[in-house]
C-alpha atoms as a PDB file:
ATOM      1  CA  MET A   1       1.782   9.026 -18.757  1.00  0.00           C
ATOM      2  CA  LYS A   2       0.356  12.113 -16.221  1.00  0.00           C
ATOM      3  CA  SER A   3      -1.735   8.919 -14.626  1.00  0.00           C
ATOM      4  CA  LEU A   4       0.981   6.589 -14.310  1.00  0.00           C
ATOM      5  CA  ALA A   5       2.998   9.525 -12.109  1.00  0.00           C
ATOM      6  CA  LEU A   6       0.004  10.261  -9.864  1.00  0.00           C
ATOM      7  CA  ARG A   7      -0.216   6.652  -9.167  1.00  0.00           C
ATOM      8  CA  THR A   8       3.730   6.559  -8.253  1.00  0.00           C
ATOM      9  CA  VAL A   9       3.066   9.282  -6.160  1.00  0.00           C
ATOM     10  CA  ALA A  10      -0.473   7.473  -4.427  1.00  0.00           C
ATOM     11  CA  VAL A  11       0.780   4.340  -4.061  1.00  0.00           C
ATOM     12  CA  LEU A  12       4.455   5.202  -2.230  1.00  0.00           C
ATOM     13  CA  ALA A  13       3.640   8.289  -0.195  1.00  0.00           C
ATOM     14  CA  ALA A  14       2.141   6.406   2.516  1.00  0.00           C
ATOM     15  CA  PRO A  15       5.194   3.426   2.567  1.00  0.00           C
ATOM     16  CA  VAL A  16       7.346   6.877   2.706  1.00  0.00           C
ATOM     17  CA  GLY A  17       5.793   8.031   5.193  1.00  0.00           C
ATOM     18  CA  LEU A  18       5.154   6.027   7.899  1.00  0.00           C
ATOM     19  CA  GLY A  19       8.777   4.253   7.590  1.00  0.00           C
ATOM     20  CA  VAL A  20       9.804   8.552   8.524  1.00  0.00           C
ATOM     21  CA  LEU A  21       7.645   7.850  11.369  1.00  0.00           C
ATOM     22  CA  ALA A  22       9.210   4.573  12.240  1.00  0.00           C
ATOM     23  CA  ALA A  23      12.387   5.956  12.226  1.00  0.00           C
ATOM     24  CA  ILE A  24      11.591   8.803  14.808  1.00  0.00           C
ATOM     25  CA  HIS A  25       9.110   6.455  16.904  1.00  0.00           C
ATOM     26  CA  PRO A  26      10.067   6.778  20.638  1.00  0.00           C
ATOM     27  CA  LEU A  27      10.829   3.860  22.303  1.00  0.00           C
ATOM     28  CA  VAL A  28       9.482   4.224  25.958  1.00  0.00           C
ATOM     29  CA  ASP A  29      10.164   1.690  28.812  1.00  0.00           C
ATOM     30  CA  GLY A  30       6.917   1.381  30.737  1.00  0.00           C
ATOM     31  CA  THR A  31       3.463   2.429  30.155  1.00  0.00           C
ATOM     32  CA  LEU A  32       3.367   5.621  30.782  1.00  0.00           C
ATOM     33  CA  ILE A  33       4.698   7.544  28.299  1.00  0.00           C
ATOM     34  CA  PRO A  34       8.406  10.073  29.313  1.00  0.00           C
ATOM     35  CA  ALA A  35       7.576  14.668  29.191  1.00  0.00           C
ATOM     36  CA  ASP A  36      10.303  14.634  26.463  1.00  0.00           C
ATOM     37  CA  ASP A  37       9.094  11.927  24.229  1.00  0.00           C
ATOM     38  CA  LEU A  38       4.596  12.633  24.332  1.00  0.00           C
ATOM     39  CA  THR A  39       4.077  15.495  21.611  1.00  0.00           C
ATOM     40  CA  LEU A  40       6.278  13.028  19.146  1.00  0.00           C
ATOM     41  CA  TRP A  41       4.214  10.505  20.608  1.00  0.00           C
ATOM     42  CA  THR A  42       0.656  11.809  20.384  1.00  0.00           C
ATOM     43  CA  LEU A  43       1.736  13.248  16.578  1.00  0.00           C
ATOM     44  CA  ILE A  44       2.891   9.580  15.079  1.00  0.00           C
ATOM     45  CA  HIS A  45       0.300   8.156  16.338  1.00  0.00           C
ATOM     46  CA  THR A  46      -1.917  10.579  15.036  1.00  0.00           C
ATOM     47  CA  LEU A  47      -0.798  10.221  11.538  1.00  0.00           C
ATOM     48  CA  GLN A  48      -0.322   6.746  11.344  1.00  0.00           C
ATOM     49  CA  ILE A  49      -3.901   5.969  11.593  1.00  0.00           C
ATOM     50  CA  PRO A  50      -4.592   7.689   8.347  1.00  0.00           C
ATOM     51  CA  LEU A  51      -1.090   6.684   6.647  1.00  0.00           C
ATOM     52  CA  ALA A  52      -2.016   2.965   7.308  1.00  0.00           C
ATOM     53  CA  ALA A  53      -5.181   3.646   5.361  1.00  0.00           C
ATOM     54  CA  LEU A  54      -3.410   5.456   2.200  1.00  0.00           C
ATOM     55  CA  LEU A  55      -1.165   2.085   2.512  1.00  0.00           C
ATOM     56  CA  GLY A  56      -4.280   0.060   2.417  1.00  0.00           C
ATOM     57  CA  ILE A  57      -5.298   2.210  -1.174  1.00  0.00           C
ATOM     58  CA  SER A  58      -1.451   1.719  -2.318  1.00  0.00           C
ATOM     59  CA  ILE A  59      -2.648  -2.045  -2.242  1.00  0.00           C
ATOM     60  CA  LEU A  60      -6.211  -1.424  -4.140  1.00  0.00           C
ATOM     61  CA  LEU A  61      -4.364   0.468  -6.706  1.00  0.00           C
ATOM     62  CA  LEU A  62      -1.492  -2.082  -7.190  1.00  0.00           C
ATOM     63  CA  LEU A  63      -3.940  -4.460  -7.742  1.00  0.00           C
ATOM     64  CA  ASP A  64      -6.886  -2.767  -9.821  1.00  0.00           C
ATOM     65  CA  SER A  65      -5.986  -4.006 -13.313  1.00  0.00           C
ATOM     66  CA  THR A  66      -5.025  -7.372 -11.244  1.00  0.00           C
ATOM     67  CA  ASP A  67      -7.980 -10.575 -11.180  1.00  0.00           C
ATOM     68  CA  GLY A  68      -7.887 -13.963  -9.110  1.00  0.00           C
ATOM     69  CA  PRO A  69      -8.677 -15.279  -5.599  1.00  0.00           C
ATOM     70  CA  GLU A  70      -5.001 -14.051  -4.272  1.00  0.00           C
ATOM     71  CA  ALA A  71      -6.336 -10.334  -5.279  1.00  0.00           C
ATOM     72  CA  ARG A  72      -9.886 -10.536  -4.382  1.00  0.00           C
ATOM     73  CA  VAL A  73      -9.258 -11.490  -0.813  1.00  0.00           C
ATOM     74  CA  ALA A  74      -6.597  -8.543  -0.521  1.00  0.00           C
ATOM     75  CA  ARG A  75      -9.155  -6.199  -1.829  1.00  0.00           C
ATOM     76  CA  LEU A  76     -11.240  -7.660   0.839  1.00  0.00           C
ATOM     77  CA  ALA A  77      -9.299  -7.749   3.948  1.00  0.00           C
ATOM     78  CA  VAL A  78      -8.194  -3.812   3.416  1.00  0.00           C
ATOM     79  CA  VAL A  79     -11.227  -2.778   5.274  1.00  0.00           C
ATOM     80  CA  PRO A  80     -10.808  -4.873   7.999  1.00  0.00           C
ATOM     81  CA  TRP A  81      -7.123  -4.665   8.445  1.00  0.00           C
ATOM     82  CA  VAL A  82      -7.419  -0.929   8.694  1.00  0.00           C
ATOM     83  CA  ALA A  83      -9.774  -0.400  11.257  1.00  0.00           C
ATOM     84  CA  ALA A  84      -8.095  -3.469  13.499  1.00  0.00           C
ATOM     85  CA  PHE A  85      -4.562  -1.430  13.382  1.00  0.00           C
ATOM     86  CA  ALA A  86      -6.580   2.041  13.647  1.00  0.00           C
ATOM     87  CA  ALA A  87      -8.704   0.349  16.907  1.00  0.00           C
ATOM     88  CA  PHE A  88      -5.557  -0.811  18.148  1.00  0.00           C
ATOM     89  CA  ASP A  89      -3.429   2.212  17.493  1.00  0.00           C
ATOM     90  CA  GLY A  90      -5.801   4.319  19.017  1.00  0.00           C
ATOM     91  CA  ILE A  91      -6.119   2.253  21.926  1.00  0.00           C
ATOM     92  CA  ALA A  92      -2.316   2.018  22.820  1.00  0.00           C
ATOM     93  CA  GLY A  93      -1.303   5.009  21.228  1.00  0.00           C
ATOM     94  CA  LEU A  94      -2.782   7.982  21.549  1.00  0.00           C
ATOM     95  CA  ALA A  95      -4.777   6.592  24.444  1.00  0.00           C
ATOM     96  CA  ASN A  96      -1.519   5.932  26.346  1.00  0.00           C
ATOM     97  CA  GLY A  97      -0.281   9.523  25.745  1.00  0.00           C
ATOM     98  CA  ALA A  98      -3.349  11.192  27.081  1.00  0.00           C
ATOM     99  CA  LEU A  99      -3.381   9.377  30.274  1.00  0.00           C
ATOM    100  CA  SER A 100       1.033  10.047  30.088  1.00  0.00           C
ATOM    101  CA  ASP A 101      -0.315  13.421  29.593  1.00  0.00           C
ATOM    102  CA  TYR A 102      -2.666  13.622  32.143  1.00  0.00           C
ATOM    103  CA  GLY A 103      -0.326  12.412  34.316  1.00  0.00           C
ATOM    104  CA  ARG A 104       2.435  15.365  34.196  1.00  0.00           C
ATOM    105  CA  LEU A 105       0.203  17.715  33.999  1.00  0.00           C
ATOM    106  CA  HIS A 106      -1.395  16.551  37.368  1.00  0.00           C
ATOM    107  CA  PRO A 107       1.553  14.554  39.296  1.00  0.00           C
ATOM    108  CA  GLU A 108      -0.777  13.662  41.909  1.00  0.00           C
ATOM    109  CA  GLN A 109      -2.510  11.508  40.132  1.00  0.00           C
ATOM    110  CA  ALA A 110       0.299   9.889  38.003  1.00  0.00           C
ATOM    111  CA  THR A 111      -0.114   6.391  39.656  1.00  0.00           C
ATOM    112  CA  VAL A 112      -4.122   6.921  39.015  1.00  0.00           C
ATOM    113  CA  ALA A 113      -3.449   7.103  35.293  1.00  0.00           C
ATOM    114  CA  LEU A 114      -0.454   4.607  35.802  1.00  0.00           C
ATOM    115  CA  ASP A 115      -2.844   2.149  37.152  1.00  0.00           C
ATOM    116  CA  ILE A 116      -5.622   3.453  34.350  1.00  0.00           C
ATOM    117  CA  ALA A 117      -2.562   1.887  31.492  1.00  0.00           C
ATOM    118  CA  SER A 118      -1.911  -0.802  32.859  1.00  0.00           C
ATOM    119  CA  THR A 119      -5.532  -2.021  33.305  1.00  0.00           C
ATOM    120  CA  ILE A 120      -6.011  -0.861  29.307  1.00  0.00           C
ATOM    121  CA  ALA A 121      -2.515  -2.608  28.485  1.00  0.00           C
ATOM    122  CA  ALA A 122      -3.453  -5.787  30.250  1.00  0.00           C
ATOM    123  CA  THR A 123      -7.148  -6.145  28.617  1.00  0.00           C
ATOM    124  CA  PRO A 124      -7.720  -8.921  26.176  1.00  0.00           C
ATOM    125  CA  VAL A 125      -8.721  -6.930  23.558  1.00  0.00           C
ATOM    126  CA  ILE A 126      -5.515  -4.918  23.546  1.00  0.00           C
ATOM    127  CA  THR A 127      -3.097  -8.068  24.713  1.00  0.00           C
ATOM    128  CA  ALA A 128      -4.757 -10.363  22.013  1.00  0.00           C
ATOM    129  CA  ILE A 129      -7.959  -9.514  20.101  1.00  0.00           C
ATOM    130  CA  LEU A 130      -6.859  -6.255  18.019  1.00  0.00           C
ATOM    131  CA  PRO A 131      -2.902  -7.156  17.584  1.00  0.00           C
ATOM    132  CA  LEU A 132      -3.620 -10.700  15.839  1.00  0.00           C
ATOM    133  CA  GLY A 133      -6.765  -9.661  14.274  1.00  0.00           C
ATOM    134  CA  ALA A 134      -4.926  -6.890  12.824  1.00  0.00           C
ATOM    135  CA  PHE A 135      -2.034  -8.707  12.135  1.00  0.00           C
ATOM    136  CA  ALA A 136      -4.173 -12.144  10.330  1.00  0.00           C
ATOM    137  CA  ALA A 137      -5.696  -9.206   7.895  1.00  0.00           C
ATOM    138  CA  SER A 138      -2.530  -8.239   7.092  1.00  0.00           C
ATOM    139  CA  LEU A 139      -1.531 -11.858   6.107  1.00  0.00           C
ATOM    140  CA  ALA A 140      -4.127 -11.672   3.679  1.00  0.00           C
ATOM    141  CA  VAL A 141      -4.249  -7.856   2.167  1.00  0.00           C
ATOM    142  CA  PHE A 142       0.289  -8.025   1.719  1.00  0.00           C
ATOM    143  CA  GLY A 143       0.438 -12.055   1.168  1.00  0.00           C
ATOM    144  CA  GLY A 144      -2.499 -12.347  -0.851  1.00  0.00           C
ATOM    145  CA  ALA A 145      -1.013  -9.241  -2.868  1.00  0.00           C
ATOM    146  CA  ALA A 146       2.109 -10.275  -3.315  1.00  0.00           C
ATOM    147  CA  ILE A 147       0.572 -13.742  -4.718  1.00  0.00           C
ATOM    148  CA  ALA A 148      -1.766 -11.675  -6.922  1.00  0.00           C
ATOM    149  CA  LEU A 149       1.163  -9.269  -8.248  1.00  0.00           C
ATOM    150  CA  HIS A 150       3.582 -11.892  -8.676  1.00  0.00           C
ATOM    151  CA  ARG A 151       1.278 -13.774 -11.164  1.00  0.00           C
ATOM    152  CA  ALA A 152       1.135 -10.186 -12.854  1.00  0.00           C
ATOM    153  CA  GLY A 153       4.680 -10.333 -13.710  1.00  0.00           C
ATOM    154  CA  VAL A 154       6.268  -8.476 -10.812  1.00  0.00           C
ATOM    155  CA  PRO A 155       9.457 -10.689  -9.867  1.00  0.00           C
ATOM    156  CA  LEU A 156       9.027 -12.634  -6.716  1.00  0.00           C
ATOM    157  CA  GLY A 157      11.528 -10.764  -4.812  1.00  0.00           C
ATOM    158  CA  GLY A 158       9.561  -7.770  -5.512  1.00  0.00           C
ATOM    159  CA  ALA A 159       6.639  -9.439  -4.660  1.00  0.00           C
ATOM    160  CA  VAL A 160       7.491 -10.764  -1.085  1.00  0.00           C
ATOM    161  CA  ALA A 161       9.279  -7.837  -0.009  1.00  0.00           C
ATOM    162  CA  LEU A 162       6.023  -5.978  -0.731  1.00  0.00           C
ATOM    163  CA  GLY A 163       4.203  -8.889   1.015  1.00  0.00           C
ATOM    164  CA  PHE A 164       6.565  -9.538   4.054  1.00  0.00           C
ATOM    165  CA  GLY A 165       7.446  -5.391   4.641  1.00  0.00           C
ATOM    166  CA  GLY A 166       3.901  -5.053   4.798  1.00  0.00           C
ATOM    167  CA  ALA A 167       3.172  -7.576   7.514  1.00  0.00           C
ATOM    168  CA  LEU A 168       6.035  -7.013   9.069  1.00  0.00           C
ATOM    169  CA  TRP A 169       5.302  -3.059   9.498  1.00  0.00           C
ATOM    170  CA  THR A 170       1.749  -4.113  10.978  1.00  0.00           C
ATOM    171  CA  PHE A 171       3.370  -6.274  14.198  1.00  0.00           C
ATOM    172  CA  VAL A 172       6.547  -4.168  14.859  1.00  0.00           C
ATOM    173  CA  HIS A 173       6.107  -0.815  13.202  1.00  0.00           C
ATOM    174  CA  PRO A 174       8.306   0.702  16.757  1.00  0.00           C
ATOM    175  CA  LEU A 175      11.048  -1.238  16.042  1.00  0.00           C
ATOM    176  CA  VAL A 176      11.605  -2.270  12.277  1.00  0.00           C
ATOM    177  CA  GLY A 177       9.305  -0.160  10.605  1.00  0.00           C
ATOM    178  CA  ALA A 178      11.434   1.922   8.703  1.00  0.00           C
ATOM    179  CA  PRO A 179      13.120  -0.753   7.079  1.00  0.00           C
ATOM    180  CA  ALA A 180       9.984  -3.278   6.468  1.00  0.00           C
ATOM    181  CA  MET A 181       8.223  -0.113   4.839  1.00  0.00           C
ATOM    182  CA  ALA A 182      11.587   0.369   3.114  1.00  0.00           C
ATOM    183  CA  LEU A 183      10.971  -2.882   1.454  1.00  0.00           C
ATOM    184  CA  PHE A 184       7.257  -2.140   0.765  1.00  0.00           C
ATOM    185  CA  ALA A 185       8.356   0.508  -1.205  1.00  0.00           C
ATOM    186  CA  PHE A 186      11.052  -1.454  -3.056  1.00  0.00           C
ATOM    187  CA  GLY A 187       8.422  -4.019  -4.270  1.00  0.00           C
ATOM    188  CA  ALA A 188       6.049  -0.992  -5.066  1.00  0.00           C
ATOM    189  CA  VAL A 189       8.421   0.055  -7.166  1.00  0.00           C
ATOM    190  CA  LEU A 190       8.524  -3.317  -9.092  1.00  0.00           C
ATOM    191  CA  ALA A 191       5.152  -3.355  -9.430  1.00  0.00           C
ATOM    192  CA  LEU A 192       4.824   0.000 -10.948  1.00  0.00           C
ATOM    193  CA  ARG A 193       7.827  -0.798 -13.321  1.00  0.00           C
ATOM    194  CA  VAL A 194       5.630  -3.717 -14.487  1.00  0.00           C
ATOM    195  CA  GLU A 195       2.797  -1.794 -14.799  1.00  0.00           C
ATOM    196  CA  ARG A 196       4.249   0.589 -16.950  1.00  0.00           C
ATOM    197  CA  ARG A 197       5.808  -0.797 -19.558  1.00  0.00           C
ATOM    198  CA  ALA A 198       2.262  -2.857 -20.023  1.00  0.00           C
ATOM    199  CA  TRP A 199       0.917   0.530 -21.107  1.00  0.00           C
ATOM    200  CA  ILE A 200       3.777   1.641 -22.919  1.00  0.00           C
ATOM    201  CA  SER A 201       2.596  -1.897 -24.576  1.00  0.00           C
ATOM    202  CA  ALA A 202      -1.039  -1.046 -25.602  1.00  0.00           C
ATOM    203  CA  THR A 203      -0.854   2.636 -25.964  1.00  0.00           C
ATOM    204  CA  ALA A 204       2.177   1.088 -28.523  1.00  0.00           C
ATOM    205  CA  ARG A 205      -0.378  -1.699 -30.231  1.00  0.00           C
ATOM    206  CA  ALA A 206      -3.287   1.558 -29.832  1.00  0.00           C
ATOM    207  CA  THR A 207      -1.129   3.928 -31.632  1.00  0.00           C
ATOM    208  CA  ARG A 208      -0.304   1.612 -34.286  1.00  0.00           C
ATOM    209  CA  ARG A 209      -1.232   1.974 -37.892  1.00  0.00           C
ATOM    210  CA  PRO A 210      -2.314  -0.677 -40.066  1.00  0.00           C
ATOM    211  CA  GLU A 211      -0.732  -1.898 -43.081  1.00  0.00           C
ATOM    212  CA  PRO A 212      -2.579  -1.671 -46.122  1.00  0.00           C
ATOM    213  CA  ARG A 213      -3.728  -4.690 -47.005  1.00  0.00           C
ATOM    214  CA  LEU A 214      -4.097  -5.832 -50.764  1.00  0.00           C
ATOM    215  CA  ASP A 215      -7.455  -7.561 -52.301  1.00  0.00           C
ATOM    216  CA  PRO A 216      -6.629 -10.272 -54.086  1.00  0.00           C
ATOM    217  CA  SER A 217      -9.205 -10.263 -56.799  1.00  0.00           C
ATOM    218  CA  THR A 218      -7.137  -6.606 -58.128  1.00  0.00           C
ATOM    219  CA  VAL A 219      -3.991  -8.289 -58.475  1.00  0.00           C
ATOM    220  CA  GLY A 220      -3.006  -7.953 -62.355  1.00  0.00           C
ATOM    221  CA  ALA A 221      -6.228  -5.997 -63.132  1.00  0.00           C
ATOM    222  CA  VAL A 222      -5.366  -3.553 -65.560  1.00  0.00           C
ATOM    223  CA  PRO A 223      -5.414   0.314 -64.778  1.00  0.00           C
ATOM    224  CA  THR A 224      -8.638   1.746 -66.203  1.00  0.00           C
ATOM    225  CA  ALA A 225      -9.273   5.811 -66.557  1.00  0.00           C
ATOM    226  CA  GLY A 226     -12.840   6.988 -66.104  1.00  0.00           C
ATOM    227  CA  LEU A 227     -15.604   4.802 -66.169  1.00  0.00           C
ATOM    228  CA  GLY A 228     -13.843   1.517 -66.384  1.00  0.00           C
ATOM    229  CA  THR A 229     -11.459   2.159 -69.881  1.00  0.00           C
ATOM    230  CA  PRO A 230      -8.009   0.434 -69.714  1.00  0.00           C
ATOM    231  CA  LEU A 231      -5.322   3.450 -69.444  1.00  0.00           C
ATOM    232  CA  MET A 232      -3.419   3.049 -73.201  1.00  0.00           C
ATOM    233  CA  GLU A 233       0.465   3.473 -72.795  1.00  0.00           C
ATOM    234  CA  SER A 234       1.870   5.737 -74.847  1.00  0.00           C
END
């Protein structure tokens, strides 16, 4: 039971953390980040990358006792998904925050910082390659995990919530990241419940004492005492 409790914490830590960050994520207009939001912006995008990696580990934990082509695809796609998201978030989030901070500290260079940020935001890597790559990988990760978990006994609603929530957070986490992670956590809890029931059932079978079996050759035989001497009734 202790290992199940630790697994539960490990699986749910990432969606809870990412949901909280999404709930406080500043929504900014324009390319540079306002000074009032800059510290929070930098903190969120610094924490999101390791938490995204932890979310990938959550998927691996949920699938570690599940086999099949969907589970294998999801496992293989975890690393590309984390890499694509980390690259996109590092450039679009942290780099943009650094340029905004530079423009705040050097007002005379604010226009230059804005031009650089706008140029970065307009590159094909940021506008198409990384976000589409992360989204495509997320479909493989969360879609594959949802199908594999449903086939392993997780209710359809929970499997769909987990898969949809993970993919939705990947693409639009600043807007609906909190409810998306709530959906993921709901599906993960149902998956952990199925896993707990399976563990309890397996433990019960392993600890159940086998019933004594009678030897047919001894049925009806006369009890003996010592070296084969029949017992005498008194």
